[in-house]
C-alpha atoms as a PDB file:
ATOM      1  CA  MET A   1      15.043 -15.402  28.888  1.00  0.00           C
ATOM      2  CA  ALA A   2      11.221 -15.463  28.860  1.00  0.00           C
ATOM      3  CA  THR A   3      11.219 -12.192  30.807  1.00  0.00           C
ATOM      4  CA  LEU A   4      13.555 -10.584  28.258  1.00  0.00           C
ATOM      5  CA  GLU A   5      11.385 -11.749  25.361  1.00  0.00           C
ATOM      6  CA  PHE A   6       8.242 -10.426  27.044  1.00  0.00           C
ATOM      7  CA  SER A   7       9.844  -7.093  27.858  1.00  0.00           C
ATOM      8  CA  ILE A   8      11.074  -6.542  24.269  1.00  0.00           C
ATOM      9  CA  THR A   9       7.722  -7.456  22.677  1.00  0.00           C
ATOM     10  CA  ALA A  10       5.638  -5.489  25.175  1.00  0.00           C
ATOM     11  CA  SER A  11       7.798  -2.417  24.755  1.00  0.00           C
ATOM     12  CA  LEU A  12       7.492  -2.542  20.960  1.00  0.00           C
ATOM     13  CA  ILE A  13       3.706  -2.922  21.268  1.00  0.00           C
ATOM     14  CA  VAL A  14       3.474   0.152  23.502  1.00  0.00           C
ATOM     15  CA  VAL A  15       5.783   2.308  21.325  1.00  0.00           C
ATOM     16  CA  ALA A  16       3.983   1.327  18.061  1.00  0.00           C
ATOM     17  CA  SER A  17       0.547   1.872  19.614  1.00  0.00           C
ATOM     18  CA  ILE A  18       1.459   5.329  20.940  1.00  0.00           C
ATOM     19  CA  ALA A  19       2.974   6.315  17.552  1.00  0.00           C
ATOM     20  CA  SER A  20      -0.189   5.125  15.773  1.00  0.00           C
ATOM     21  CA  ALA A  21      -2.402   7.126  18.142  1.00  0.00           C
ATOM     22  CA  PHE A  22      -0.303  10.280  17.680  1.00  0.00           C
ATOM     23  CA  SER A  23      -0.321   9.860  13.892  1.00  0.00           C
ATOM     24  CA  ILE A  24      -4.123   9.373  13.635  1.00  0.00           C
ATOM     25  CA  SER A  25      -4.579  12.423  15.854  1.00  0.00           C
ATOM     26  CA  SER A  26      -2.384  14.373  13.472  1.00  0.00           C
ATOM     27  CA  TYR A  27      -4.549  13.205  10.581  1.00  0.00           C
ATOM     28  CA  ILE A  28      -7.798  14.170  12.307  1.00  0.00           C
ATOM     29  CA  VAL A  29      -6.531  17.712  13.068  1.00  0.00           C
ATOM     30  CA  SER A  30      -4.562  18.491   9.934  1.00  0.00           C
ATOM     31  CA  GLY A  31      -6.202  16.271   7.280  1.00  0.00           C
ATOM     32  CA  LYS A  32      -2.836  14.929   6.161  1.00  0.00           C
ATOM     33  CA  ARG A  33      -3.629  11.590   4.461  1.00  0.00           C
ATOM     34  CA  MET A  34       0.000  10.592   4.849  1.00  0.00           C
ATOM     35  CA  ALA A  35      -0.440  10.623   8.645  1.00  0.00           C
ATOM     36  CA  ALA A  36      -3.449   8.260   8.383  1.00  0.00           C
ATOM     37  CA  PHE A  37      -1.477   5.676   6.380  1.00  0.00           C
ATOM     38  CA  LEU A  38       1.507   5.926   8.738  1.00  0.00           C
ATOM     39  CA  SER A  39      -0.911   5.269  11.602  1.00  0.00           C
ATOM     40  CA  ILE A  40      -2.019   2.075   9.787  1.00  0.00           C
ATOM     41  CA  LEU A  41       1.611   1.112   9.365  1.00  0.00           C
ATOM     42  CA  THR A  42       2.482   1.427  13.026  1.00  0.00           C
ATOM     43  CA  PHE A  43      -0.821  -0.177  14.101  1.00  0.00           C
ATOM     44  CA  GLY A  44       0.013  -3.126  11.844  1.00  0.00           C
ATOM     45  CA  TYR A  45       3.386  -3.527  13.453  1.00  0.00           C
ATOM     46  CA  ALA A  46       1.764  -3.483  16.913  1.00  0.00           C
ATOM     47  CA  ILE A  47      -0.634  -6.235  15.789  1.00  0.00           C
ATOM     48  CA  GLU A  48       2.309  -8.356  14.572  1.00  0.00           C
ATOM     49  CA  GLN A  49       4.018  -7.936  17.953  1.00  0.00           C
ATOM     50  CA  ILE A  50       0.781  -8.944  19.735  1.00  0.00           C
ATOM     51  CA  VAL A  51       0.758 -12.133  17.580  1.00  0.00           C
ATOM     52  CA  ILE A  52       4.306 -12.807  18.661  1.00  0.00           C
ATOM     53  CA  LEU A  53       3.425 -12.209  22.285  1.00  0.00           C
ATOM     54  CA  TYR A  54       0.453 -14.567  21.989  1.00  0.00           C
ATOM     55  CA  ARG A  55       2.648 -17.293  20.383  1.00  0.00           C
ATOM     56  CA  GLU A  56       5.225 -16.947  23.167  1.00  0.00           C
ATOM     57  CA  PHE A  57       2.483 -17.277  25.751  1.00  0.00           C
ATOM     58  CA  LEU A  58       1.189 -20.457  24.148  1.00  0.00           C
ATOM     59  CA  ASN A  59       4.640 -21.976  23.983  1.00  0.00           C
ATOM     60  CA  GLN A  60       6.017 -20.813  27.294  1.00  0.00           C
ATOM     61  CA  ASN A  61       6.042 -24.348  28.726  1.00  0.00           C
ATOM     62  CA  ILE A  62       7.311 -26.034  25.595  1.00  0.00           C
ATOM     63  CA  PRO A  63      11.164 -26.336  25.471  1.00  0.00           C
ATOM     64  CA  PHE A  64      12.738 -24.635  22.434  1.00  0.00           C
ATOM     65  CA  ARG A  65      14.561 -27.148  20.206  1.00  0.00           C
ATOM     66  CA  ALA A  66      17.152 -26.550  17.544  1.00  0.00           C
ATOM     67  CA  GLU A  67      15.007 -28.078  14.755  1.00  0.00           C
ATOM     68  CA  MET A  68      12.305 -25.520  15.478  1.00  0.00           C
ATOM     69  CA  PHE A  69      14.552 -22.615  14.436  1.00  0.00           C
ATOM     70  CA  SER A  70      14.081 -23.017  10.698  1.00  0.00           C
ATOM     71  CA  SER A  71      10.301 -23.158  10.885  1.00  0.00           C
ATOM     72  CA  MET A  72       7.990 -20.131  10.462  1.00  0.00           C
ATOM     73  CA  GLU A  73       4.853 -19.591  12.492  1.00  0.00           C
ATOM     74  CA  ASP A  74       1.728 -18.345  10.743  1.00  0.00           C
ATOM     75  CA  PRO A  75       3.386 -17.589   7.377  1.00  0.00           C
ATOM     76  CA  LEU A  76       0.223 -16.445   5.586  1.00  0.00           C
ATOM     77  CA  LEU A  77      -0.700 -14.153   8.512  1.00  0.00           C
ATOM     78  CA  ARG A  78       2.811 -12.709   8.498  1.00  0.00           C
ATOM     79  CA  ILE A  79       2.598 -12.121   4.727  1.00  0.00           C
ATOM     80  CA  ALA A  80      -0.788 -10.351   5.158  1.00  0.00           C
ATOM     81  CA  ILE A  81       0.473  -8.104   7.948  1.00  0.00           C
ATOM     82  CA  GLY A  82       3.681  -7.420   6.026  1.00  0.00           C
ATOM     83  CA  ALA A  83       1.606  -6.425   2.960  1.00  0.00           C
ATOM     84  CA  VAL A  84      -0.525  -4.026   4.940  1.00  0.00           C
ATOM     85  CA  MET A  85       2.555  -2.351   6.497  1.00  0.00           C
ATOM     86  CA  CYS A  86       4.455  -2.103   3.225  1.00  0.00           C
ATOM     87  CA  GLU A  87       1.506  -0.779   1.214  1.00  0.00           C
ATOM     88  CA  SER A  88       0.604   1.743   3.973  1.00  0.00           C
ATOM     89  CA  LEU A  89       4.153   3.111   3.838  1.00  0.00           C
ATOM     90  CA  MET A  90       4.179   3.168   0.054  1.00  0.00           C
ATOM     91  CA  ILE A  91       0.919   5.202  -0.118  1.00  0.00           C
ATOM     92  CA  ALA A  92       2.162   7.487   2.661  1.00  0.00           C
ATOM     93  CA  VAL A  93       5.282   8.260   0.652  1.00  0.00           C
ATOM     94  CA  ILE A  94       3.226   8.758  -2.519  1.00  0.00           C
ATOM     95  CA  GLU A  95       1.078  11.217  -0.566  1.00  0.00           C
ATOM     96  CA  TYR A  96       4.178  13.074   0.660  1.00  0.00           C
ATOM     97  CA  TYR A  97       5.403  13.511  -2.935  1.00  0.00           C
ATOM     98  CA  ASP A  98       1.865  14.413  -4.091  1.00  0.00           C
ATOM     99  CA  SER A  99       2.108  11.743  -6.813  1.00  0.00           C
ATOM    100  CA  GLU A 100      -0.844  10.337  -8.759  1.00  0.00           C
ATOM    101  CA  ASN A 101       1.103   7.284  -9.976  1.00  0.00           C
ATOM    102  CA  ARG A 102      -1.333   4.387  -9.792  1.00  0.00           C
ATOM    103  CA  VAL A 103       1.289   1.901 -10.942  1.00  0.00           C
ATOM    104  CA  LEU A 104       3.303   2.534  -7.773  1.00  0.00           C
ATOM    105  CA  ARG A 105       0.221   2.174  -5.592  1.00  0.00           C
ATOM    106  CA  TRP A 106      -0.679  -1.320  -6.738  1.00  0.00           C
ATOM    107  CA  ILE A 107       2.002  -3.104  -8.798  1.00  0.00           C
ATOM    108  CA  PRO A 108       4.781  -3.347  -6.152  1.00  0.00           C
ATOM    109  CA  ILE A 109       2.399  -4.749  -3.487  1.00  0.00           C
ATOM    110  CA  ALA A 110       0.949  -7.186  -6.067  1.00  0.00           C
ATOM    111  CA  ILE A 111       4.473  -8.484  -6.839  1.00  0.00           C
ATOM    112  CA  PHE A 112       5.139  -8.733  -3.082  1.00  0.00           C
ATOM    113  CA  LEU A 113       2.026 -10.810  -2.437  1.00  0.00           C
ATOM    114  CA  VAL A 114       2.442 -13.094  -5.457  1.00  0.00           C
ATOM    115  CA  ALA A 115       6.127 -13.765  -4.685  1.00  0.00           C
ATOM    116  CA  CYS A 116       5.594 -14.422  -0.977  1.00  0.00           C
ATOM    117  CA  VAL A 117       2.473 -16.607  -1.352  1.00  0.00           C
ATOM    118  CA  THR A 118       4.109 -18.617  -4.153  1.00  0.00           C
ATOM    119  CA  VAL A 119       7.240 -19.339  -2.077  1.00  0.00           C
ATOM    120  CA  CYS A 120       5.065 -20.119   0.949  1.00  0.00           C
ATOM    121  CA  LEU A 121       3.000 -22.714  -0.910  1.00  0.00           C
ATOM    122  CA  VAL A 122       5.780 -24.387  -2.892  1.00  0.00           C
ATOM    123  CA  PRO A 123       6.619 -27.532  -0.880  1.00  0.00           C
ATOM    124  CA  ASP A 124      10.124 -28.281  -2.143  1.00  0.00           C
ATOM    125  CA  ILE A 125      11.776 -25.073  -0.915  1.00  0.00           C
ATOM    126  CA  ASP A 126      13.975 -25.365   2.156  1.00  0.00           C
ATOM    127  CA  ASP A 127      12.283 -23.993   5.295  1.00  0.00           C
ATOM    128  CA  ARG A 128      15.147 -21.649   6.136  1.00  0.00           C
ATOM    129  CA  LEU A 129      15.202 -20.210   2.643  1.00  0.00           C
ATOM    130  CA  LYS A 130      11.416 -19.882   2.590  1.00  0.00           C
ATOM    131  CA  LYS A 131      11.460 -18.031   5.902  1.00  0.00           C
ATOM    132  CA  TRP A 132      14.280 -15.772   4.795  1.00  0.00           C
ATOM    133  CA  PHE A 133      12.601 -14.978   1.496  1.00  0.00           C
ATOM    134  CA  ILE A 134       9.224 -13.999   3.079  1.00  0.00           C
ATOM    135  CA  TYR A 135      10.829 -11.684   5.621  1.00  0.00           C
ATOM    136  CA  SER A 136      13.471 -10.277   3.220  1.00  0.00           C
ATOM    137  CA  MET A 137      10.762  -9.289   0.760  1.00  0.00           C
ATOM    138  CA  ARG A 138       9.705  -6.647   3.216  1.00  0.00           C
ATOM    139  CA  GLN A 139      13.219  -5.103   3.239  1.00  0.00           C
ATOM    140  CA  ILE A 140      13.401  -5.313  -0.570  1.00  0.00           C
ATOM    141  CA  PHE A 141      10.023  -3.510  -0.725  1.00  0.00           C
ATOM    142  CA  LEU A 142      11.326  -0.861   1.664  1.00  0.00           C
ATOM    143  CA  MET A 143      14.482  -0.402  -0.382  1.00  0.00           C
ATOM    144  CA  ALA A 144      12.288   0.140  -3.483  1.00  0.00           C
ATOM    145  CA  ILE A 145      10.621   2.972  -1.544  1.00  0.00           C
ATOM    146  CA  VAL A 146      14.049   4.354  -0.702  1.00  0.00           C
ATOM    147  CA  LEU A 147      14.965   4.391  -4.380  1.00  0.00           C
ATOM    148  CA  PHE A 148      11.691   6.100  -5.201  1.00  0.00           C
ATOM    149  CA  CYS A 149      12.523   8.767  -2.622  1.00  0.00           C
ATOM    150  CA  LEU A 150      16.025   9.255  -4.039  1.00  0.00           C
ATOM    151  CA  ALA A 151      14.641   9.587  -7.594  1.00  0.00           C
ATOM    152  CA  ASN A 152      12.224  12.308  -6.456  1.00  0.00           C
ATOM    153  CA  TYR A 153      15.058  14.158  -4.719  1.00  0.00           C
ATOM    154  CA  MET A 154      17.380  13.923  -7.714  1.00  0.00           C
ATOM    155  CA  LYS A 155      14.768  15.258 -10.193  1.00  0.00           C
ATOM    156  CA  ALA A 156      13.475  18.025  -7.863  1.00  0.00           C
ATOM    157  CA  PRO A 157      14.532  21.529  -9.000  1.00  0.00           C
ATOM    158  CA  ASP A 158      16.780  23.620  -6.756  1.00  0.00           C
ATOM    159  CA  GLY A 159      14.619  25.760  -4.440  1.00  0.00           C
ATOM    160  CA  PRO A 160      11.905  25.219  -1.829  1.00  0.00           C
ATOM    161  CA  THR A 161      10.951  21.712  -3.021  1.00  0.00           C
ATOM    162  CA  LYS A 162      14.469  20.327  -2.751  1.00  0.00           C
ATOM    163  CA  LYS A 163      14.971  22.083   0.588  1.00  0.00           C
ATOM    164  CA  ARG A 164      11.816  20.402   1.876  1.00  0.00           C
ATOM    165  CA  TYR A 165      13.252  17.009   0.925  1.00  0.00           C
ATOM    166  CA  GLU A 166      16.592  17.821   2.463  1.00  0.00           C
ATOM    167  CA  ARG A 167      14.902  18.541   5.786  1.00  0.00           C
ATOM    168  CA  ARG A 168      14.293  14.807   6.074  1.00  0.00           C
ATOM    169  CA  ARG A 169      17.846  13.827   5.142  1.00  0.00           C
ATOM    170  CA  LEU A 170      18.946  12.641   8.576  1.00  0.00           C
ATOM    171  CA  GLN A 171      15.776  10.574   9.181  1.00  0.00           C
ATOM    172  CA  PHE A 172      16.027   9.121   5.682  1.00  0.00           C
ATOM    173  CA  THR A 173      19.664   8.049   6.204  1.00  0.00           C
ATOM    174  CA  ILE A 174      19.046   6.447   9.602  1.00  0.00           C
ATOM    175  CA  VAL A 175      15.972   4.542   8.365  1.00  0.00           C
ATOM    176  CA  THR A 176      17.808   3.329   5.231  1.00  0.00           C
ATOM    177  CA  LEU A 177      20.726   2.146   7.358  1.00  0.00           C
ATOM    178  CA  PHE A 178      18.415   0.162   9.666  1.00  0.00           C
ATOM    179  CA  ILE A 179      16.631  -1.385   6.680  1.00  0.00           C
ATOM    180  CA  LEU A 180      19.989  -2.662   5.304  1.00  0.00           C
ATOM    181  CA  LEU A 181      21.005  -3.950   8.753  1.00  0.00           C
ATOM    182  CA  THR A 182      17.713  -5.763   9.067  1.00  0.00           C
ATOM    183  CA  LEU A 183      18.309  -7.486   5.713  1.00  0.00           C
ATOM    184  CA  VAL A 184      21.865  -8.389   6.713  1.00  0.00           C
ATOM    185  CA  GLU A 185      20.744  -9.727  10.107  1.00  0.00           C
ATOM    186  CA  ASP A 186      17.968 -11.834   8.508  1.00  0.00           C
ATOM    187  CA  THR A 187      20.495 -13.277   6.067  1.00  0.00           C
ATOM    188  CA  LEU A 188      23.107 -14.121   8.757  1.00  0.00           C
ATOM    189  CA  VAL A 189      20.592 -15.522  11.265  1.00  0.00           C
ATOM    190  CA  MET A 190      18.240 -17.409   8.970  1.00  0.00           C
ATOM    191  CA  LEU A 191      20.695 -18.757   6.414  1.00  0.00           C
ATOM    192  CA  THR A 192      24.054 -19.136   8.164  1.00  0.00           C
ATOM    193  CA  LEU A 193      23.465 -19.506  11.933  1.00  0.00           C
ATOM    194  CA  SER A 194      24.077 -23.041  13.138  1.00  0.00           C
ATOM    195  CA  VAL A 195      21.832 -23.749  16.141  1.00  0.00           C
ATOM    196  CA  ASP A 196      23.011 -26.186  18.837  1.00  0.00           C
ATOM    197  CA  ALA A 197      22.893 -26.515  22.599  1.00  0.00           C
ATOM    198  CA  THR A 198      25.531 -23.823  23.151  1.00  0.00           C
ATOM    199  CA  ASN A 199      23.562 -20.965  21.518  1.00  0.00           C
ATOM    200  CA  LEU A 200      20.017 -22.274  21.953  1.00  0.00           C
ATOM    201  CA  PRO A 201      18.892 -19.491  24.350  1.00  0.00           C
ATOM    202  CA  PHE A 202      20.252 -16.833  21.924  1.00  0.00           C
ATOM    203  CA  ALA A 203      18.583 -18.523  18.986  1.00  0.00           C
ATOM    204  CA  GLU A 204      15.240 -18.613  20.869  1.00  0.00           C
ATOM    205  CA  VAL A 205      15.354 -14.795  21.235  1.00  0.00           C
ATOM    206  CA  LEU A 206      16.064 -14.410  17.493  1.00  0.00           C
ATOM    207  CA  TYR A 207      13.453 -16.978  16.416  1.00  0.00           C
ATOM    208  CA  ARG A 208      10.535 -14.543  16.405  1.00  0.00           C
ATOM    209  CA  ARG A 209      12.325 -11.204  16.174  1.00  0.00           C
ATOM    210  CA  ASN A 210      15.033  -9.259  14.431  1.00  0.00           C
ATOM    211  CA  ILE A 211      17.030  -6.881  16.654  1.00  0.00           C
ATOM    212  CA  SER A 212      17.732  -4.452  13.755  1.00  0.00           C
ATOM    213  CA  GLU A 213      14.083  -4.439  12.796  1.00  0.00           C
ATOM    214  CA  SER A 214      13.136  -3.663  16.408  1.00  0.00           C
ATOM    215  CA  LEU A 215      15.521  -0.718  16.331  1.00  0.00           C
ATOM    216  CA  LEU A 216      14.139   0.332  12.978  1.00  0.00           C
ATOM    217  CA  ALA A 217      10.536   0.239  14.295  1.00  0.00           C
ATOM    218  CA  THR A 218      11.467   2.131  17.475  1.00  0.00           C
ATOM    219  CA  THR A 219      13.380   4.786  15.633  1.00  0.00           C
ATOM    220  CA  GLY A 220      10.677   5.185  12.993  1.00  0.00           C
ATOM    221  CA  ALA A 221       8.005   5.427  15.734  1.00  0.00           C
ATOM    222  CA  GLY A 222      10.094   8.113  17.422  1.00  0.00           C
ATOM    223  CA  PHE A 223      10.337  10.155  14.212  1.00  0.00           C
ATOM    224  CA  LEU A 224       6.609   9.752  13.630  1.00  0.00           C
ATOM    225  CA  MET A 225       5.684  10.870  17.144  1.00  0.00           C
ATOM    226  CA  TYR A 226       7.959  13.919  16.818  1.00  0.00           C
ATOM    227  CA  ALA A 227       6.446  14.829  13.488  1.00  0.00           C
ATOM    228  CA  SER A 228       2.896  14.301  14.780  1.00  0.00           C
ATOM    229  CA  ILE A 229       3.449  16.404  17.916  1.00  0.00           C
ATOM    230  CA  LYS A 230       4.972  19.106  15.714  1.00  0.00           C
ATOM    231  CA  THR A 231       1.979  19.049  13.425  1.00  0.00           C
ATOM    232  CA  LEU A 232      -0.511  19.162  16.236  1.00  0.00           C
ATOM    233  CA  ARG A 233       1.310  22.007  17.889  1.00  0.00           C
ATOM    234  CA  ALA A 234       1.807  23.997  14.655  1.00  0.00           C
ATOM    235  CA  PHE A 235      -1.838  23.538  13.597  1.00  0.00           C
ATOM    236  CA  SER A 236      -3.091  24.682  16.978  1.00  0.00           C
ATOM    237  CA  MET A 237      -0.807  27.690  17.009  1.00  0.00           C
ATOM    238  CA  GLY A 238      -1.747  28.454  13.435  1.00  0.00           C
ATOM    239  CA  ARG A 239      -5.278  29.074  14.564  1.00  0.00           C
ATOM    240  CA  SER A 240      -4.154  31.490  17.310  1.00  0.00           C
ATOM    241  CA  GLN A 241      -3.678  35.155  16.711  1.00  0.00           C
ATOM    242  CA  LYS A 242      -0.484  36.708  15.438  1.00  0.00           C
ATOM    243  CA  ASN A 243       1.679  33.652  15.875  1.00  0.00           C
ATOM    244  CA  THR A 244       4.562  33.604  13.443  1.00  0.00           C
ATOM    245  CA  GLU A 245       6.117  30.615  15.242  1.00  0.00           C
ATOM    246  CA  ALA A 246       3.340  28.407  13.835  1.00  0.00           C
ATOM    247  CA  ILE A 247       4.669  28.639  10.276  1.00  0.00           C
ATOM    248  CA  ASP A 248       7.353  26.007   9.698  1.00  0.00           C
ATOM    249  CA  GLU A 249       8.900  29.199   8.947  1.00  0.00           C
ATOM    250  CA  ASP A 250       9.843  30.366   5.450  1.00  0.00           C
ATOM    251  CA  GLU A 251      10.485  26.845   4.140  1.00  0.00           C
ATOM    252  CA  THR A 252       6.904  25.632   4.186  1.00  0.00           C
ATOM    253  CA  LEU A 253       5.606  28.960   2.915  1.00  0.00           C
ATOM    254  CA  SER A 254       8.080  29.026   0.070  1.00  0.00           C
ATOM    255  CA  PHE A 255       7.232  25.397  -0.852  1.00  0.00           C
ATOM    256  CA  PHE A 256       3.513  26.172  -0.774  1.00  0.00           C
ATOM    257  CA  SER A 257       4.006  29.293  -2.903  1.00  0.00           C
ATOM    258  CA  GLU A 258       6.124  27.431  -5.495  1.00  0.00           C
ATOM    259  CA  LYS A 259       3.674  24.500  -5.630  1.00  0.00           C
ATOM    260  CA  TYR A 260       0.634  26.757  -6.335  1.00  0.00           C
ATOM    261  CA  GLY A 261       2.393  29.499  -8.295  1.00  0.00           C
ATOM    262  CA  LEU A 262       1.827  32.372  -5.844  1.00  0.00           C
ATOM    263  CA  THR A 263       3.426  35.706  -6.555  1.00  0.00           C
ATOM    264  CA  GLN A 264       5.735  37.369  -4.059  1.00  0.00           C
ATOM    265  CA  ARG A 265       2.900  39.661  -2.857  1.00  0.00           C
ATOM    266  CA  GLU A 266       0.488  36.766  -2.581  1.00  0.00           C
ATOM    267  CA  GLU A 267       3.103  34.867  -0.565  1.00  0.00           C
ATOM    268  CA  GLU A 268       3.343  37.813   1.889  1.00  0.00           C
ATOM    269  CA  ILE A 269      -0.458  37.866   2.208  1.00  0.00           C
ATOM    270  CA  MET A 270      -0.566  34.092   2.632  1.00  0.00           C
ATOM    271  CA  ARG A 271       1.738  34.310   5.631  1.00  0.00           C
ATOM    272  CA  LEU A 272      -0.669  36.733   7.307  1.00  0.00           C
ATOM    273  CA  VAL A 273      -3.690  34.661   6.416  1.00  0.00           C
ATOM    274  CA  VAL A 274      -2.119  31.654   8.102  1.00  0.00           C
ATOM    275  CA  GLU A 275      -1.610  33.902  11.179  1.00  0.00           C
ATOM    276  CA  SER A 276      -5.393  34.415  11.136  1.00  0.00           C
ATOM    277  CA  ARG A 277      -5.147  38.143  10.254  1.00  0.00           C
ATOM    278  CA  ASP A 278      -8.316  39.686   8.758  1.00  0.00           C
ATOM    279  CA  ASN A 279      -8.286  41.669   5.517  1.00  0.00           C
ATOM    280  CA  GLN A 280      -8.109  45.076   7.203  1.00  0.00           C
ATOM    281  CA  ASN A 281      -5.230  44.007   9.363  1.00  0.00           C
ATOM    282  CA  ILE A 282      -3.377  42.638   6.336  1.00  0.00           C
ATOM    283  CA  ALA A 283      -3.986  45.888   4.469  1.00  0.00           C
ATOM    284  CA  ASN A 284      -2.561  47.891   7.377  1.00  0.00           C
ATOM    285  CA  GLU A 285       0.422  45.583   7.792  1.00  0.00           C
ATOM    286  CA  LEU A 286       1.427  45.699   4.060  1.00  0.00           C
ATOM    287  CA  GLN A 287       0.198  49.268   3.480  1.00  0.00           C
ATOM    288  CA  LEU A 288      -2.194  48.172   0.745  1.00  0.00           C
ATOM    289  CA  ALA A 289      -5.745  49.184  -0.124  1.00  0.00           C
ATOM    290  CA  LEU A 290      -8.356  46.878   1.285  1.00  0.00           C
ATOM    291  CA  GLY A 291      -9.681  46.123  -2.208  1.00  0.00           C
ATOM    292  CA  THR A 292      -6.218  45.066  -3.334  1.00  0.00           C
ATOM    293  CA  VAL A 293      -5.947  42.611  -0.440  1.00  0.00           C
ATOM    294  CA  LYS A 294      -9.355  41.138  -1.302  1.00  0.00           C
ATOM    295  CA  THR A 295      -8.235  40.711  -4.902  1.00  0.00           C
ATOM    296  CA  HIS A 296      -5.019  38.925  -3.938  1.00  0.00           C
ATOM    297  CA  ILE A 297      -6.844  36.594  -1.566  1.00  0.00           C
ATOM    298  CA  HIS A 298      -9.380  35.796  -4.288  1.00  0.00           C
ATOM    299  CA  ASN A 299      -6.457  34.915  -6.636  1.00  0.00           C
ATOM    300  CA  ILE A 300      -4.918  32.723  -3.892  1.00  0.00           C
ATOM    301  CA  PHE A 301      -8.235  30.865  -3.535  1.00  0.00           C
ATOM    302  CA  LYS A 302      -8.380  30.253  -7.331  1.00  0.00           C
ATOM    303  CA  LYS A 303      -4.790  29.017  -7.504  1.00  0.00           C
ATOM    304  CA  THR A 304      -5.178  26.688  -4.544  1.00  0.00           C
ATOM    305  CA  ASP A 305      -8.724  25.578  -5.438  1.00  0.00           C
ATOM    306  CA  CYS A 306     -10.060  26.756  -2.021  1.00  0.00           C
ATOM    307  CA  THR A 307     -13.313  28.509  -1.183  1.00  0.00           C
ATOM    308  CA  SER A 308     -12.670  29.692   2.321  1.00  0.00           C
ATOM    309  CA  ARG A 309      -9.909  30.824   4.630  1.00  0.00           C
ATOM    310  CA  GLY A 310     -10.303  27.737   6.820  1.00  0.00           C
ATOM    311  CA  GLU A 311      -9.898  25.431   3.819  1.00  0.00           C
ATOM    312  CA  LEU A 312      -6.857  27.446   2.685  1.00  0.00           C
ATOM    313  CA  ILE A 313      -5.166  27.236   6.070  1.00  0.00           C
ATOM    314  CA  ASN A 314      -5.871  23.472   6.237  1.00  0.00           C
ATOM    315  CA  LYS A 315      -4.279  23.007   2.841  1.00  0.00           C
ATOM    316  CA  PHE A 316      -1.258  25.010   3.961  1.00  0.00           C
ATOM    317  CA  TRP A 317      -0.661  22.734   7.001  1.00  0.00           C
ATOM    318  CA  MET A 318      -1.180  19.644   4.829  1.00  0.00           C
ATOM    319  CA  ASN A 319       1.913  20.786   2.877  1.00  0.00           C
ATOM    320  CA  SER A 320       4.071  21.378   6.015  1.00  0.00           C
END
């Protein structure tokens, strides 16, 4: 059983650490702030698993007893790590939707911290209920993020913006399902499971971990690594010559054009700018006068608040 526990925890540490490294690399290359906060999220999860591994190492020679199941190790540390992970995800989602809502940035996490610390410090609350509440607050926080995403999707106008959100539909559905399963598993295990000699080994495995949460973390890390690799590849190809594959094809370009109010002609020119075409090449491609191309590019700079082609291309990839 100890070997199984070690294998599960070590695997989660490796997966979360790799995902964090890929995500921070994506941020360094593309400048996407969302990637930086997702890196913090996965790094925080890796730290939590390291704490679990350390605790298991300390207790490896201590027999697990039934009365230990309702207790919670390092509750304040778990609250702190949970707060870092939840807030990192919240800010990442806010960055994705390009929102300036300061209430969403700070009020939910303040409620999370006050509620968890209060329950942790109140002495009369049953240990099982206290443990369940502190862990379940994470899932409640995540479901609040899910509702925020749904609200943004519902109010988005038909067109490139809604298509951009629909591109994440499968990932969104899978993650939401695992969040609900994690909440259900926490409820069943922490509040209803009766621990005795017959199920003690099984209870020991569940004491420090949630199987659904492990699947959620692994799946989320997989999605993050895929997105990071895609960004790194696209950004690299975007700097190469005449590479139309680099554009997350028409979808990203259409979204970018709608966001910054580009005209159809400016959108055509923007595509070629991202392909690293010079002004003369763009003029030849679109059969326009060189001065006309320069005027359009100047207008694109003004609309996107950019001062150079490099800055413009970076901003384009940040919206992919």
